[in-house]
Structures are given as C-alpha cells and as structure tokens.
Amino acid sequence: EGVDALYSTVQMPPGIPVATVGIDGAKNAAYLACEILSIKYPEIARRLEVLRAEMREELEEKSKTLKERRK
C-alpha cells in the first residue's frame, strides 16, 4: 500500500519533475524552495551560501565537542 503511493509519486514521466522532502520536513521544504528561487535571484543564492556556511561551522563544533567527550 505505502510502496504503491511512493511509486506513483516518484515515477513520473519525463517533463514532470518531482521534488520531495521528508514527513514533517518543513525546514527542508523551505530550503528546497529557496534553492529553486536562487536560480533566478542571486541574493537568495548568496544568503543560502552564508546560511550553509554557518550550519557547517555549527555542525563541526558539535562534532568536535562529541569527539572530546568520547576521550
């Protein structure tokens, strides 16, 4: 039942692109929308770059903290 629903969504014919995000994935849906809009609007692209750099730094810091705790 669930697999049939999945296939009906992801197996669209050429010319009918499908963009999906996870259940309760509102943040990722917003990122996806911004990614699409960034093609036309360079300011959105620039802001996404800044945001992703900040996210990367935060993740690296969390990773470092976890590695230190494991010692």
PDB file of N, CA and C in Angstrom:
ATOM      1  N   GLU A   1       0.829  -1.195   0.000  1.00  0.00           N
ATOM      2  CA  GLU A   1       0.000   0.000   0.000  1.00  0.00           C
ATOM      3  C   GLU A   1       0.868   1.252   0.000  1.00  0.00           C
ATOM      4  N   GLY A   2       1.764   1.366   0.956  1.00  0.00           N
ATOM      5  CA  GLY A   2       2.626   2.536   1.027  1.00  0.00           C
ATOM      6  C   GLY A   2       3.583   2.613  -0.145  1.00  0.00           C
ATOM      7  N   VAL A   3       4.070   1.445  -0.581  1.00  0.00           N
ATOM      8  CA  VAL A   3       5.011   1.410  -1.696  1.00  0.00           C
ATOM      9  C   VAL A   3       4.329   1.874  -2.981  1.00  0.00           C
ATOM     10  N   ASP A   4       3.078   1.488  -3.179  1.00  0.00           N
ATOM     11  CA  ASP A   4       2.343   1.933  -4.366  1.00  0.00           C
ATOM     12  C   ASP A   4       2.218   3.452  -4.395  1.00  0.00           C
ATOM     13  N   ALA A   5       1.942   4.046  -3.248  1.00  0.00           N
ATOM     14  CA  ALA A   5       1.835   5.508  -3.174  1.00  0.00           C
ATOM     15  C   ALA A   5       3.176   6.152  -3.484  1.00  0.00           C
ATOM     16  N   LEU A   6       4.246   5.552  -2.974  1.00  0.00           N
ATOM     17  CA  LEU A   6       5.584   6.080  -3.242  1.00  0.00           C
ATOM     18  C   LEU A   6       5.889   6.018  -4.734  1.00  0.00           C
ATOM     19  N   TYR A   7       5.644   4.876  -5.341  1.00  0.00           N
ATOM     20  CA  TYR A   7       5.922   4.729  -6.772  1.00  0.00           C
ATOM     21  C   TYR A   7       5.095   5.701  -7.611  1.00  0.00           C
ATOM     22  N   SER A   8       3.851   5.921  -7.241  1.00  0.00           N
ATOM     23  CA  SER A   8       3.015   6.833  -8.028  1.00  0.00           C
ATOM     24  C   SER A   8       3.532   8.262  -7.952  1.00  0.00           C
ATOM     25  N   THR A   9       4.277   8.568  -6.912  1.00  0.00           N
ATOM     26  CA  THR A   9       4.839   9.908  -6.765  1.00  0.00           C
ATOM     27  C   THR A   9       6.177  10.040  -7.467  1.00  0.00           C
ATOM     28  N   VAL A  10       7.066   9.084  -7.280  1.00  0.00           N
ATOM     29  CA  VAL A  10       8.441   9.239  -7.768  1.00  0.00           C
ATOM     30  C   VAL A  10       8.656   8.772  -9.204  1.00  0.00           C
ATOM     31  N   GLN A  11       7.740   8.016  -9.757  1.00  0.00           N
ATOM     32  CA  GLN A  11       7.915   7.538 -11.126  1.00  0.00           C
ATOM     33  C   GLN A  11       7.051   8.332 -12.099  1.00  0.00           C
ATOM     34  N   MET A  12       7.313   9.624 -12.147  1.00  0.00           N
ATOM     35  CA  MET A  12       6.581  10.494 -13.061  1.00  0.00           C
ATOM     36  C   MET A  12       7.261  10.460 -14.427  1.00  0.00           C
ATOM     37  N   PRO A  13       6.499  10.731 -15.471  1.00  0.00           N
ATOM     38  CA  PRO A  13       7.081  10.721 -16.817  1.00  0.00           C
ATOM     39  C   PRO A  13       8.011  11.915 -17.026  1.00  0.00           C
ATOM     40  N   PRO A  14       8.853  11.851 -18.054  1.00  0.00           N
ATOM     41  CA  PRO A  14       9.724  12.988 -18.362  1.00  0.00           C
ATOM     42  C   PRO A  14       8.910  14.276 -18.506  1.00  0.00           C
ATOM     43  N   GLY A  15       9.462  15.350 -17.990  1.00  0.00           N
ATOM     44  CA  GLY A  15       8.776  16.635 -18.051  1.00  0.00           C
ATOM     45  C   GLY A  15       7.948  16.949 -16.824  1.00  0.00           C
ATOM     46  N   ILE A  16       7.814  15.970 -15.926  1.00  0.00           N
ATOM     47  CA  ILE A  16       7.068  16.166 -14.684  1.00  0.00           C
ATOM     48  C   ILE A  16       8.027  15.903 -13.515  1.00  0.00           C
ATOM     49  N   PRO A  17       8.865  16.885 -13.176  1.00  0.00           N
ATOM     50  CA  PRO A  17       9.829  16.668 -12.098  1.00  0.00           C
ATOM     51  C   PRO A  17       9.133  16.576 -10.737  1.00  0.00           C
ATOM     52  N   VAL A  18       9.740  15.832  -9.845  1.00  0.00           N
ATOM     53  CA  VAL A  18       9.203  15.657  -8.503  1.00  0.00           C
ATOM     54  C   VAL A  18      10.285  16.038  -7.498  1.00  0.00           C
ATOM     55  N   ALA A  19       9.960  16.949  -6.616  1.00  0.00           N
ATOM     56  CA  ALA A  19      10.866  17.318  -5.527  1.00  0.00           C
ATOM     57  C   ALA A  19      10.188  16.892  -4.232  1.00  0.00           C
ATOM     58  N   THR A  20      10.878  16.101  -3.441  1.00  0.00           N
ATOM     59  CA  THR A  20      10.266  15.601  -2.213  1.00  0.00           C
ATOM     60  C   THR A  20      11.123  15.931  -1.005  1.00  0.00           C
ATOM     61  N   VAL A  21      10.467  16.026   0.125  1.00  0.00           N
ATOM     62  CA  VAL A  21      11.147  16.173   1.409  1.00  0.00           C
ATOM     63  C   VAL A  21      10.487  15.201   2.375  1.00  0.00           C
ATOM     64  N   GLY A  22      11.139  14.964   3.481  1.00  0.00           N
ATOM     65  CA  GLY A  22      10.622  14.009   4.450  1.00  0.00           C
ATOM     66  C   GLY A  22       9.344  14.483   5.126  1.00  0.00           C
ATOM     67  N   ILE A  23       8.678  13.543   5.750  1.00  0.00           N
ATOM     68  CA  ILE A  23       7.486  13.862   6.533  1.00  0.00           C
ATOM     69  C   ILE A  23       7.893  14.822   7.645  1.00  0.00           C
ATOM     70  N   ASP A  24       7.094  15.839   7.883  1.00  0.00           N
ATOM     71  CA  ASP A  24       7.396  16.900   8.855  1.00  0.00           C
ATOM     72  C   ASP A  24       8.694  17.613   8.498  1.00  0.00           C
ATOM     73  N   GLY A  25       8.986  17.730   7.213  1.00  0.00           N
ATOM     74  CA  GLY A  25      10.229  18.344   6.759  1.00  0.00           C
ATOM     75  C   GLY A  25      10.037  19.781   6.293  1.00  0.00           C
ATOM     76  N   ALA A  26       9.340  20.579   7.079  1.00  0.00           N
ATOM     77  CA  ALA A  26       9.044  21.957   6.673  1.00  0.00           C
ATOM     78  C   ALA A  26      10.312  22.767   6.426  1.00  0.00           C
ATOM     79  N   LYS A  27      11.309  22.592   7.278  1.00  0.00           N
ATOM     80  CA  LYS A  27      12.551  23.352   7.082  1.00  0.00           C
ATOM     81  C   LYS A  27      13.216  22.957   5.767  1.00  0.00           C
ATOM     82  N   ASN A  28      13.296  21.667   5.502  1.00  0.00           N
ATOM     83  CA  ASN A  28      13.910  21.234   4.247  1.00  0.00           C
ATOM     84  C   ASN A  28      13.076  21.665   3.044  1.00  0.00           C
ATOM     85  N   ALA A  29      11.762  21.720   3.199  1.00  0.00           N
ATOM     86  CA  ALA A  29      10.912  22.210   2.110  1.00  0.00           C
ATOM     87  C   ALA A  29      11.222  23.677   1.822  1.00  0.00           C
ATOM     88  N   ALA A  30      11.439  24.448   2.878  1.00  0.00           N
ATOM     89  CA  ALA A  30      11.790  25.862   2.697  1.00  0.00           C
ATOM     90  C   ALA A  30      13.149  25.995   2.020  1.00  0.00           C
ATOM     91  N   TYR A  31      14.117  25.163   2.434  1.00  0.00           N
ATOM     92  CA  TYR A  31      15.438  25.190   1.789  1.00  0.00           C
ATOM     93  C   TYR A  31      15.325  24.822   0.312  1.00  0.00           C
ATOM     94  N   LEU A  32      14.505  23.831   0.013  1.00  0.00           N
ATOM     95  CA  LEU A  32      14.308  23.422  -1.378  1.00  0.00           C
ATOM     96  C   LEU A  32      13.700  24.562  -2.196  1.00  0.00           C
ATOM     97  N   ALA A  33      12.699  25.224  -1.645  1.00  0.00           N
ATOM     98  CA  ALA A  33      12.081  26.351  -2.346  1.00  0.00           C
ATOM     99  C   ALA A  33      13.098  27.462  -2.587  1.00  0.00           C
ATOM    100  N   CYS A  34      13.911  27.743  -1.581  1.00  0.00           N
ATOM    101  CA  CYS A  34      14.944  28.779  -1.740  1.00  0.00           C
ATOM    102  C   CYS A  34      15.976  28.369  -2.784  1.00  0.00           C
ATOM    103  N   GLU A  35      16.315  27.098  -2.802  1.00  0.00           N
ATOM    104  CA  GLU A  35      17.274  26.605  -3.797  1.00  0.00           C
ATOM    105  C   GLU A  35      16.731  26.821  -5.211  1.00  0.00           C
ATOM    106  N   ILE A  36      15.461  26.542  -5.395  1.00  0.00           N
ATOM    107  CA  ILE A  36      14.842  26.749  -6.705  1.00  0.00           C
ATOM    108  C   ILE A  36      14.824  28.240  -7.053  1.00  0.00           C
ATOM    109  N   LEU A  37      14.417  29.069  -6.100  1.00  0.00           N
ATOM    110  CA  LEU A  37      14.354  30.515  -6.345  1.00  0.00           C
ATOM    111  C   LEU A  37      15.730  31.126  -6.572  1.00  0.00           C
ATOM    112  N   SER A  38      16.751  30.510  -5.980  1.00  0.00           N
ATOM    113  CA  SER A  38      18.104  31.067  -6.100  1.00  0.00           C
ATOM    114  C   SER A  38      18.628  31.028  -7.538  1.00  0.00           C
ATOM    115  N   ILE A  39      18.018  30.214  -8.368  1.00  0.00           N
ATOM    116  CA  ILE A  39      18.419  30.166  -9.776  1.00  0.00           C
ATOM    117  C   ILE A  39      18.187  31.526 -10.440  1.00  0.00           C
ATOM    118  N   LYS A  40      17.101  32.168 -10.081  1.00  0.00           N
ATOM    119  CA  LYS A  40      16.765  33.468 -10.676  1.00  0.00           C
ATOM    120  C   LYS A  40      17.215  34.643  -9.811  1.00  0.00           C
ATOM    121  N   TYR A  41      17.261  34.452  -8.503  1.00  0.00           N
ATOM    122  CA  TYR A  41      17.534  35.555  -7.588  1.00  0.00           C
ATOM    123  C   TYR A  41      18.874  35.352  -6.880  1.00  0.00           C
ATOM    124  N   PRO A  42      19.920  36.021  -7.336  1.00  0.00           N
ATOM    125  CA  PRO A  42      21.261  35.855  -6.767  1.00  0.00           C
ATOM    126  C   PRO A  42      21.339  36.167  -5.271  1.00  0.00           C
ATOM    127  N   GLU A  43      20.515  37.073  -4.788  1.00  0.00           N
ATOM    128  CA  GLU A  43      20.538  37.405  -3.356  1.00  0.00           C
ATOM    129  C   GLU A  43      20.134  36.199  -2.511  1.00  0.00           C
ATOM    130  N   ILE A  44      19.168  35.447  -2.986  1.00  0.00           N
ATOM    131  CA  ILE A  44      18.768  34.234  -2.266  1.00  0.00           C
ATOM    132  C   ILE A  44      19.907  33.227  -2.296  1.00  0.00           C
ATOM    133  N   ALA A  45      20.579  33.102  -3.427  1.00  0.00           N
ATOM    134  CA  ALA A  45      21.721  32.189  -3.535  1.00  0.00           C
ATOM    135  C   ALA A  45      22.812  32.584  -2.547  1.00  0.00           C
ATOM    136  N   ARG A  46      23.082  33.885  -2.450  1.00  0.00           N
ATOM    137  CA  ARG A  46      24.114  34.365  -1.530  1.00  0.00           C
ATOM    138  C   ARG A  46      23.731  34.063  -0.084  1.00  0.00           C
ATOM    139  N   ARG A  47      22.483  34.299   0.255  1.00  0.00           N
ATOM    140  CA  ARG A  47      22.032  34.035   1.629  1.00  0.00           C
ATOM    141  C   ARG A  47      22.083  32.547   1.958  1.00  0.00           C
ATOM    142  N   LEU A  48      21.766  31.711   0.980  1.00  0.00           N
ATOM    143  CA  LEU A  48      21.871  30.266   1.201  1.00  0.00           C
ATOM    144  C   LEU A  48      23.318  29.861   1.465  1.00  0.00           C
ATOM    145  N   GLU A  49      24.242  30.441   0.721  1.00  0.00           N
ATOM    146  CA  GLU A  49      25.662  30.146   0.944  1.00  0.00           C
ATOM    147  C   GLU A  49      26.082  30.523   2.353  1.00  0.00           C
ATOM    148  N   VAL A  50      25.672  31.705   2.802  1.00  0.00           N
ATOM    149  CA  VAL A  50      26.007  32.163   4.153  1.00  0.00           C
ATOM    150  C   VAL A  50      25.382  31.239   5.189  1.00  0.00           C
ATOM    151  N   LEU A  51      24.117  30.915   5.011  1.00  0.00           N
ATOM    152  CA  LEU A  51      23.422  30.044   5.952  1.00  0.00           C
ATOM    153  C   LEU A  51      24.087  28.679   6.034  1.00  0.00           C
ATOM    154  N   ARG A  52      24.430  28.120   4.890  1.00  0.00           N
ATOM    155  CA  ARG A  52      25.050  26.789   4.890  1.00  0.00           C
ATOM    156  C   ARG A  52      26.443  26.821   5.505  1.00  0.00           C
ATOM    157  N   ALA A  53      27.162  27.902   5.323  1.00  0.00           N
ATOM    158  CA  ALA A  53      28.472  28.034   5.968  1.00  0.00           C
ATOM    159  C   ALA A  53      28.301  28.082   7.482  1.00  0.00           C
ATOM    160  N   GLU A  54      27.296  28.811   7.949  1.00  0.00           N
ATOM    161  CA  GLU A  54      27.023  28.876   9.386  1.00  0.00           C
ATOM    162  C   GLU A  54      26.620  27.507   9.918  1.00  0.00           C
ATOM    163  N   MET A  55      25.778  26.803   9.169  1.00  0.00           N
ATOM    164  CA  MET A  55      25.345  25.469   9.586  1.00  0.00           C
ATOM    165  C   MET A  55      26.533  24.511   9.640  1.00  0.00           C
ATOM    166  N   ARG A  56      27.432  24.619   8.659  1.00  0.00           N
ATOM    167  CA  ARG A  56      28.617  23.767   8.616  1.00  0.00           C
ATOM    168  C   ARG A  56      29.494  24.014   9.841  1.00  0.00           C
ATOM    169  N   GLU A  57      29.716  25.288  10.165  1.00  0.00           N
ATOM    170  CA  GLU A  57      30.532  25.629  11.330  1.00  0.00           C
ATOM    171  C   GLU A  57      29.909  25.088  12.612  1.00  0.00           C
ATOM    172  N   GLU A  58      28.601  25.236  12.739  1.00  0.00           N
ATOM    173  CA  GLU A  58      27.901  24.744  13.923  1.00  0.00           C
ATOM    174  C   GLU A  58      28.030  23.226  14.030  1.00  0.00           C
ATOM    175  N   LEU A  59      27.873  22.545  12.921  1.00  0.00           N
ATOM    176  CA  LEU A  59      27.985  21.089  12.914  1.00  0.00           C
ATOM    177  C   LEU A  59      29.401  20.643  13.260  1.00  0.00           C
ATOM    178  N   GLU A  60      30.398  21.329  12.712  1.00  0.00           N
ATOM    179  CA  GLU A  60      31.787  20.987  13.017  1.00  0.00           C
ATOM    180  C   GLU A  60      32.080  21.188  14.500  1.00  0.00           C
ATOM    181  N   GLU A  61      31.530  22.242  15.093  1.00  0.00           N
ATOM    182  CA  GLU A  61      31.729  22.492  16.521  1.00  0.00           C
ATOM    183  C   GLU A  61      31.063  21.403  17.359  1.00  0.00           C
ATOM    184  N   LYS A  62      29.856  21.011  16.986  1.00  0.00           N
ATOM    185  CA  LYS A  62      29.166  19.935  17.702  1.00  0.00           C
ATOM    186  C   LYS A  62      29.937  18.627  17.574  1.00  0.00           C
ATOM    187  N   SER A  63      30.453  18.354  16.387  1.00  0.00           N
ATOM    188  CA  SER A  63      31.230  17.145  16.166  1.00  0.00           C
ATOM    189  C   SER A  63      32.482  17.141  17.031  1.00  0.00           C
ATOM    190  N   LYS A  64      33.143  18.271  17.086  1.00  0.00           N
ATOM    191  CA  LYS A  64      34.347  18.405  17.907  1.00  0.00           C
ATOM    192  C   LYS A  64      34.021  18.161  19.376  1.00  0.00           C
ATOM    193  N   THR A  65      32.920  18.732  19.848  1.00  0.00           N
ATOM    194  CA  THR A  65      32.503  18.549  21.238  1.00  0.00           C
ATOM    195  C   THR A  65      32.233  17.080  21.532  1.00  0.00           C
ATOM    196  N   LEU A  66      31.540  16.402  20.635  1.00  0.00           N
ATOM    197  CA  LEU A  66      31.245  14.983  20.840  1.00  0.00           C
ATOM    198  C   LEU A  66      32.515  14.141  20.851  1.00  0.00           C
ATOM    199  N   LYS A  67      33.448  14.447  19.960  1.00  0.00           N
ATOM    200  CA  LYS A  67      34.707  13.700  19.925  1.00  0.00           C
ATOM    201  C   LYS A  67      35.489  13.890  21.214  1.00  0.00           C
ATOM    202  N   GLU A  68      35.473  15.102  21.757  1.00  0.00           N
ATOM    203  CA  GLU A  68      36.178  15.363  23.013  1.00  0.00           C
ATOM    204  C   GLU A  68      35.538  14.616  24.166  1.00  0.00           C
ATOM    205  N   ARG A  69      34.233  14.481  24.173  1.00  0.00           N
ATOM    206  CA  ARG A  69      33.526  13.754  25.233  1.00  0.00           C
ATOM    207  C   ARG A  69      33.828  12.263  25.189  1.00  0.00           C
ATOM    208  N   ARG A  70      34.115  11.738  24.010  1.00  0.00           N
ATOM    209  CA  ARG A  70      34.380  10.306  23.867  1.00  0.00           C
ATOM    210  C   ARG A  70      35.746   9.919  24.390  1.00  0.00           C
ATOM    211  N   LYS A  71      36.637  10.881  24.566  1.00  0.00           N
ATOM    212  CA  LYS A  71      38.002  10.577  25.021  1.00  0.00           C
ATOM    213  C   LYS A  71      38.024  10.183  26.469  1.00  0.00           C
TER     214      LYS A  71
END
